[in-house]
Protein backbone atom coordinates (compact mmCIF):
# COMPACT_ATOMS: atom_id res chain seq x y z
CA MET A 1 -38.36 -22.15 41.93
CA LYS A 2 -38.51 -25.92 41.42
CA ILE A 3 -40.16 -27.09 38.24
CA ASP A 4 -40.26 -30.32 36.25
CA MET A 5 -40.72 -29.62 32.54
CA ILE A 6 -42.13 -32.41 30.38
CA GLY A 7 -41.65 -32.74 26.63
CA ASP A 8 -44.30 -33.19 23.94
CA ILE A 9 -46.74 -35.80 25.28
CA HIS A 10 -48.83 -36.23 22.10
CA GLY A 11 -51.51 -38.31 23.78
CA CYS A 12 -49.08 -40.79 25.38
CA TYR A 13 -51.10 -40.96 28.59
CA GLU A 14 -49.58 -44.11 30.07
CA GLU A 15 -46.05 -42.81 29.64
CA PHE A 16 -47.15 -39.49 31.14
CA ILE A 17 -48.50 -41.15 34.28
CA ARG A 18 -45.38 -43.31 34.65
CA LEU A 19 -43.15 -40.25 34.32
CA LEU A 20 -45.14 -38.37 36.97
CA GLU A 21 -44.62 -41.32 39.31
CA VAL A 22 -40.88 -41.42 38.57
CA LEU A 23 -40.72 -37.69 39.35
CA GLY A 24 -42.34 -38.30 42.72
CA TYR A 25 -45.79 -36.85 42.11
CA GLU A 26 -48.66 -38.31 44.11
CA LYS A 27 -52.29 -38.43 43.03
CA ARG A 28 -54.65 -36.61 45.38
CA ASP A 29 -58.24 -35.79 44.40
CA ASN A 30 -57.40 -36.39 40.72
CA LEU A 31 -54.47 -33.96 40.90
CA PHE A 32 -50.80 -34.89 40.77
CA ILE A 33 -49.02 -33.10 43.60
CA HIS A 34 -45.36 -33.21 44.58
CA PRO A 35 -44.62 -33.52 48.33
CA ASP A 36 -41.79 -30.98 47.98
CA GLY A 37 -44.02 -28.37 46.35
CA ARG A 38 -42.53 -28.72 42.88
CA LYS A 39 -44.57 -27.62 39.89
CA LEU A 40 -44.87 -29.05 36.41
CA GLY A 41 -44.19 -27.33 33.10
CA PHE A 42 -45.55 -28.42 29.72
CA VAL A 43 -43.97 -27.31 26.45
CA GLY A 44 -47.12 -27.90 24.39
CA ASP A 45 -48.32 -30.55 21.93
CA LEU A 46 -50.33 -32.43 24.52
CA THR A 47 -52.42 -34.10 21.84
CA ASP A 48 -52.44 -35.84 18.44
CA ARG A 49 -50.96 -39.11 17.17
CA GLY A 50 -51.02 -40.90 20.53
CA PRO A 51 -53.91 -42.99 21.90
CA ASP A 52 -55.23 -40.85 24.79
CA SER A 53 -55.00 -37.16 23.95
CA LEU A 54 -58.14 -36.10 25.79
CA LYS A 55 -57.05 -37.79 29.04
CA VAL A 56 -53.83 -35.78 28.86
CA VAL A 57 -55.78 -32.56 28.27
CA THR A 58 -57.95 -33.29 31.31
CA ILE A 59 -55.00 -33.82 33.65
CA VAL A 60 -53.00 -30.83 32.41
CA SER A 61 -55.95 -28.45 32.47
CA ASP A 62 -56.77 -29.45 36.05
CA LEU A 63 -53.15 -28.93 37.10
CA VAL A 64 -53.00 -25.50 35.48
CA ALA A 65 -56.37 -24.46 36.94
CA ASN A 66 -55.09 -25.36 40.41
CA ASN A 67 -51.83 -23.43 39.97
CA LEU A 68 -49.79 -26.63 39.99
CA ALA A 69 -48.40 -26.35 36.46
CA TYR A 70 -47.33 -24.05 33.65
CA TYR A 71 -48.47 -24.72 30.09
CA VAL A 72 -47.54 -23.13 26.78
CA PRO A 73 -49.22 -24.14 23.51
CA GLY A 74 -47.55 -25.97 20.66
CA ASN A 75 -48.43 -26.04 16.99
CA HIS A 76 -50.65 -29.10 17.49
CA CYS A 77 -52.43 -27.30 20.33
CA ASN A 78 -53.00 -24.34 18.04
CA LYS A 79 -54.50 -26.57 15.35
CA LEU A 80 -56.82 -28.34 17.79
CA TYR A 81 -57.90 -24.96 19.16
CA ARG A 82 -58.80 -23.78 15.65
CA PHE A 83 -60.70 -27.02 15.07
CA PHE A 84 -62.72 -26.50 18.25
CA LEU A 85 -63.51 -22.92 17.16
CA GLY A 86 -65.04 -24.37 13.99
CA ASN A 87 -62.31 -23.20 11.64
CA LYS A 88 -61.55 -25.27 8.58
CA VAL A 89 -58.36 -27.21 9.35
CA GLN A 90 -56.93 -30.32 7.73
CA GLN A 91 -57.38 -33.36 9.94
CA THR A 92 -53.88 -34.67 9.23
CA HIS A 93 -50.52 -35.06 11.01
CA GLY A 94 -52.22 -36.55 14.05
CA LEU A 95 -55.20 -34.25 14.52
CA GLU A 96 -57.38 -37.00 13.07
CA THR A 97 -56.63 -39.22 16.09
CA THR A 98 -57.73 -36.53 18.56
CA VAL A 99 -60.84 -35.74 16.52
CA ALA A 100 -61.74 -39.45 16.47
CA GLU A 101 -61.48 -39.54 20.27
CA TYR A 102 -63.61 -36.42 20.52
CA GLU A 103 -66.28 -37.72 18.16
CA SER A 104 -66.57 -40.97 20.11
CA LEU A 105 -67.76 -39.04 23.18
CA SER A 106 -71.33 -38.20 24.09
CA LYS A 107 -72.51 -34.71 23.16
CA SER A 108 -72.30 -33.57 26.78
CA ASP A 109 -68.76 -34.90 27.18
CA GLN A 110 -67.76 -33.30 23.88
CA LYS A 111 -68.99 -29.97 25.19
CA LYS A 112 -67.02 -30.39 28.43
CA ILE A 113 -63.68 -31.32 26.85
CA LYS A 114 -64.03 -28.66 24.19
CA LYS A 115 -64.57 -25.95 26.82
CA ARG A 116 -61.77 -27.37 28.95
CA PHE A 117 -59.24 -27.19 26.11
CA ILE A 118 -60.34 -23.80 24.83
CA ASP A 119 -60.02 -22.36 28.34
CA LEU A 120 -56.57 -23.93 28.76
CA TYR A 121 -55.38 -22.57 25.42
CA GLU A 122 -56.84 -19.08 25.72
CA ASN A 123 -55.43 -18.55 29.22
CA ALA A 124 -51.94 -19.71 28.26
CA PRO A 125 -49.16 -17.29 27.35
CA LEU A 126 -47.28 -17.81 24.10
CA TYR A 127 -44.22 -18.57 26.23
CA TYR A 128 -43.24 -18.27 29.91
CA VAL A 129 -40.41 -16.20 31.36
CA LEU A 130 -39.79 -17.48 34.88
CA ASP A 131 -37.39 -17.34 37.83
CA ASP A 132 -36.31 -13.72 37.44
CA LYS A 133 -35.82 -14.18 33.69
CA LYS A 134 -33.45 -17.10 34.17
CA LEU A 135 -35.82 -19.63 32.56
CA VAL A 136 -37.97 -19.50 29.42
CA ILE A 137 -40.43 -22.20 28.34
CA ALA A 138 -41.40 -22.05 24.66
CA HIS A 139 -42.73 -24.86 22.49
CA ALA A 140 -40.28 -24.69 19.57
CA GLY A 141 -37.80 -22.36 21.25
CA ILE A 142 -37.28 -18.62 21.01
CA LYS A 143 -34.54 -16.25 19.87
CA LYS A 144 -32.88 -14.09 22.50
CA GLU A 145 -34.13 -10.90 20.85
CA TYR A 146 -37.74 -12.19 20.86
CA ILE A 147 -37.89 -12.69 24.64
CA GLY A 148 -40.38 -10.19 26.02
CA GLN A 149 -41.94 -9.57 22.62
CA SER A 150 -45.11 -10.78 20.90
CA GLY A 151 -46.54 -10.47 17.40
CA ASN A 152 -46.88 -12.78 14.41
CA LYS A 153 -43.15 -13.27 13.85
CA VAL A 154 -42.60 -14.32 17.46
CA LYS A 155 -45.71 -16.53 17.47
CA SER A 156 -44.57 -18.32 14.31
CA PHE A 157 -41.12 -18.97 15.77
CA VAL A 158 -42.44 -20.18 19.12
CA LEU A 159 -44.98 -22.55 17.52
CA TYR A 160 -43.04 -23.82 14.51
CA GLY A 161 -39.36 -23.03 15.06
CA ASP A 162 -36.99 -21.30 12.67
CA ILE A 163 -38.71 -22.51 9.51
CA THR A 164 -37.61 -21.63 5.98
CA GLY A 165 -40.71 -22.63 4.02
CA GLU A 166 -38.75 -25.43 2.34
CA PHE A 167 -39.12 -29.18 2.83
CA HIS A 168 -36.78 -32.16 3.04
CA GLU A 169 -37.17 -35.08 0.66
CA ASN A 170 -39.13 -36.99 3.29
CA GLY A 171 -41.66 -34.17 3.51
CA MET A 172 -40.49 -32.76 6.83
CA PRO A 173 -40.12 -28.95 6.96
CA VAL A 174 -36.63 -27.47 6.89
CA ARG A 175 -35.87 -25.86 10.25
CA LYS A 176 -32.73 -23.92 11.04
CA ASP A 177 -30.91 -25.03 14.18
CA TRP A 178 -31.44 -21.78 16.07
CA ALA A 179 -29.99 -23.23 19.29
CA LEU A 180 -26.49 -23.25 17.76
CA HIS A 181 -26.56 -19.46 17.62
CA TYR A 182 -28.28 -18.73 20.93
CA ASP A 183 -26.09 -16.66 23.24
CA GLY A 184 -28.56 -15.51 25.90
CA GLU A 185 -28.23 -15.94 29.66
CA ALA A 186 -31.67 -17.48 30.24
CA TRP A 187 -32.17 -21.20 29.88
CA ILE A 188 -34.58 -21.95 27.01
CA VAL A 189 -36.51 -25.19 27.47
CA TYR A 190 -38.44 -26.38 24.44
CA GLY A 191 -39.57 -29.38 22.38
CA HIS A 192 -41.16 -29.65 18.93
CA THR A 193 -38.27 -31.43 17.15
CA PRO A 194 -37.88 -35.04 18.36
CA VAL A 195 -34.38 -36.07 19.45
CA ARG A 196 -33.19 -39.43 20.77
CA GLU A 197 -31.71 -37.89 23.93
CA VAL A 198 -32.40 -34.60 25.67
CA ARG A 199 -30.22 -32.09 23.77
CA VAL A 200 -28.36 -29.31 25.58
CA VAL A 201 -26.78 -26.59 23.41
CA ASN A 202 -25.83 -23.05 24.53
CA ARG A 203 -28.21 -22.91 27.50
CA THR A 204 -31.03 -24.39 25.43
CA VAL A 205 -32.60 -27.76 26.25
CA ASN A 206 -34.73 -29.76 23.82
CA ILE A 207 -36.80 -32.15 25.93
CA ASP A 208 -38.90 -33.72 23.15
CA THR A 209 -37.48 -37.23 23.03
CA GLY A 210 -40.17 -38.52 20.69
CA ALA A 211 -42.47 -40.47 23.00
CA VAL A 212 -45.15 -40.81 20.32
CA PHE A 213 -42.55 -42.07 17.83
CA GLY A 214 -41.22 -44.85 20.04
CA GLY A 215 -38.55 -42.86 21.84
CA LYS A 216 -38.98 -41.69 25.43
CA LEU A 217 -41.03 -39.20 27.41
CA SER A 218 -38.62 -36.96 29.25
CA ALA A 219 -38.63 -34.31 31.96
CA LEU A 220 -36.01 -31.72 32.85
CA ARG A 221 -35.81 -30.92 36.55
CA TYR A 222 -34.99 -27.27 37.26
CA PRO A 223 -32.85 -25.88 38.84
CA GLU A 224 -31.08 -29.24 39.21
CA MET A 225 -30.83 -29.59 35.40
CA THR A 226 -31.21 -33.36 35.64
CA VAL A 227 -33.29 -35.52 33.32
CA GLU A 228 -35.78 -38.30 34.02
CA SER A 229 -37.29 -40.40 31.24
CA VAL A 230 -39.59 -43.36 30.71
CA PRO A 231 -39.55 -45.54 27.58
CA SER A 232 -42.35 -45.31 25.05
CA SER A 233 -44.75 -48.14 24.28
CA MET A 234 -45.23 -46.83 20.74
CA PRO A 235 -43.55 -48.28 17.60
CA PHE A 236 -40.18 -46.71 16.79
CA VAL A 237 -40.26 -44.42 13.74
CA LYS A 238 -36.67 -43.63 12.76
CA GLU A 239 -37.46 -40.92 10.20
CA LYS A 240 -39.07 -38.72 12.85
CA PHE A 241 -35.75 -38.28 14.65
CA ARG A 242 -33.74 -35.77 12.65
CA GLU A 243 -30.31 -36.73 13.92
CA LEU A 244 -30.92 -40.26 12.63
CA TRP A 245 -31.58 -39.17 9.07
CA ASP A 246 -29.14 -40.54 6.51
């Protein structure tokens, strides 16, 4: 299995297209296809905060529908899904940017993108176990003992990480560094918590390098375990990168 897993895109469409080009994907009939038959993997949080969330949704949903990519939802995906279902959700933390894009569309285009995203989300697993259980893709990571399980506890961990319910002084939620204690054999590839450089700890790889916060958009190539990145065009926001906190 050869797969290129891309970190949280958050509507950074231009960076996404540049990264696909760096990875060697070629555009054919509005699909990005690799000449060597590689597939793409997305760790969730396709939307919110960045300028072109709905363009990203369109590309990813087409790739998944054509069996060219794997996608797992992130917490922002979950919130957008609930918005599209008509649930009452707060339009904050970036959702407001995606909603503004959506509301600027014609009614017919709104209907199309809404159906496209709902189908993508509802057909996605909570996490993927691939390559004879040697690789797991999960948005915020997953504990070894949760692999193969489902339920609310697993869903919460996969979407939000190892949260405590407490908050830092800057308002960010306190998350335990679960990767430090991971001792499984499978590689866990995840995002959710922005880091300046792709972070490898105990066979876990955090590939969210904060594209929407002025960092980079990164991809991990498997099984090579090499990284490709493109710089972000967004303003740099230091406080979003936890290892840079004072």
